[in-house]
C-alpha cells in the first residue's frame, strides 16, 4: 500500500500541540483593520485551538504529524 500524503495547504496553516490538539491562526486579520474594533483585533491575535469536529478533519489531512 502506498504512503499517505500530507496536504501541503494544511501543513502551512496548522500545527499540533504536545497533547494532540490542533493550533491555527485566527481568521479576519489580513486587511480592513481600520473598521475593526480594538477588542476584535486584540482577540484575534496569536493562535487558537480548533474544536474537536474541525480538528478531526485536519488530522485526516496530516496523517504523520501527530
Protein backbone atom coordinates (compact mmCIF):
# COMPACT_ATOMS: atom_id res chain seq x y z
CA UNK A 1 0.00 0.00 0.00
CA UNK A 2 1.43 3.43 -0.91
CA UNK A 3 2.29 6.08 1.65
CA UNK A 4 -0.44 8.52 2.61
CA UNK A 5 0.32 12.10 1.63
CA UNK A 6 0.08 15.21 3.79
CA UNK A 7 -1.93 18.08 2.30
CA UNK A 8 0.52 20.91 1.62
CA UNK A 9 -2.05 23.59 2.42
CA UNK A 10 -2.77 22.02 5.82
CA UNK A 11 0.85 21.78 6.91
CA UNK A 12 1.30 25.50 6.22
CA UNK A 13 -1.74 26.52 8.27
CA UNK A 14 -1.99 24.12 11.22
CA UNK A 15 0.29 22.66 13.86
CA UNK A 16 -0.22 20.26 16.75
CA UNK A 17 0.28 20.77 20.47
CA UNK A 18 2.08 18.20 22.60
CA UNK A 19 -1.27 16.81 23.77
CA UNK A 20 -2.51 16.39 20.19
CA UNK A 21 -4.83 19.40 19.86
CA UNK A 22 -4.72 21.41 16.63
CA UNK A 23 -3.47 25.03 16.63
CA UNK A 24 -4.45 27.53 13.94
CA UNK A 25 -4.16 31.24 13.32
CA UNK A 26 -7.23 33.37 13.97
CA UNK A 27 -9.11 34.48 10.84
CA UNK A 28 -10.01 38.01 9.83
CA UNK A 29 -6.77 39.97 10.23
CA UNK A 30 -5.47 40.23 6.67
CA UNK A 31 -6.86 43.68 5.85
CA UNK A 32 -9.52 46.21 6.89
CA UNK A 33 -8.18 46.77 10.41
CA UNK A 34 -9.34 50.42 10.39
CA UNK A 35 -13.00 49.49 10.73
CA UNK A 36 -12.43 46.67 13.24
CA UNK A 37 -12.89 47.27 16.94
CA UNK A 38 -9.88 47.21 19.24
CA UNK A 39 -11.42 44.25 21.07
CA UNK A 40 -11.66 42.26 17.82
CA UNK A 41 -8.04 42.95 16.91
CA UNK A 42 -6.87 42.03 20.42
CA UNK A 43 -8.92 38.80 20.50
CA UNK A 44 -7.76 37.79 17.00
CA UNK A 45 -4.06 38.00 17.86
CA UNK A 46 -1.95 34.88 18.23
CA UNK A 47 -3.32 31.39 17.68
CA UNK A 48 -6.35 29.39 18.76
CA UNK A 49 -7.19 25.74 19.31
CA UNK A 50 -9.67 24.18 16.91
CA UNK A 51 -12.78 22.48 18.22
CA UNK A 52 -13.00 18.70 18.00
CA UNK A 53 -15.08 18.47 14.83
CA UNK A 54 -12.69 20.72 12.87
CA UNK A 55 -9.61 19.05 14.36
CA UNK A 56 -10.85 15.66 13.17
CA UNK A 57 -10.85 16.95 9.56
CA UNK A 58 -7.38 18.46 9.87
CA UNK A 59 -5.95 15.25 11.33
CA UNK A 60 -7.06 13.38 8.20
CA UNK A 61 -5.09 15.86 6.10
CA UNK A 62 -1.94 15.38 8.19
CA UNK A 63 -1.55 11.63 8.86
CA UNK A 64 2.08 11.73 10.09
CA UNK A 65 2.15 14.93 12.14
CA UNK A 66 0.61 13.75 15.44
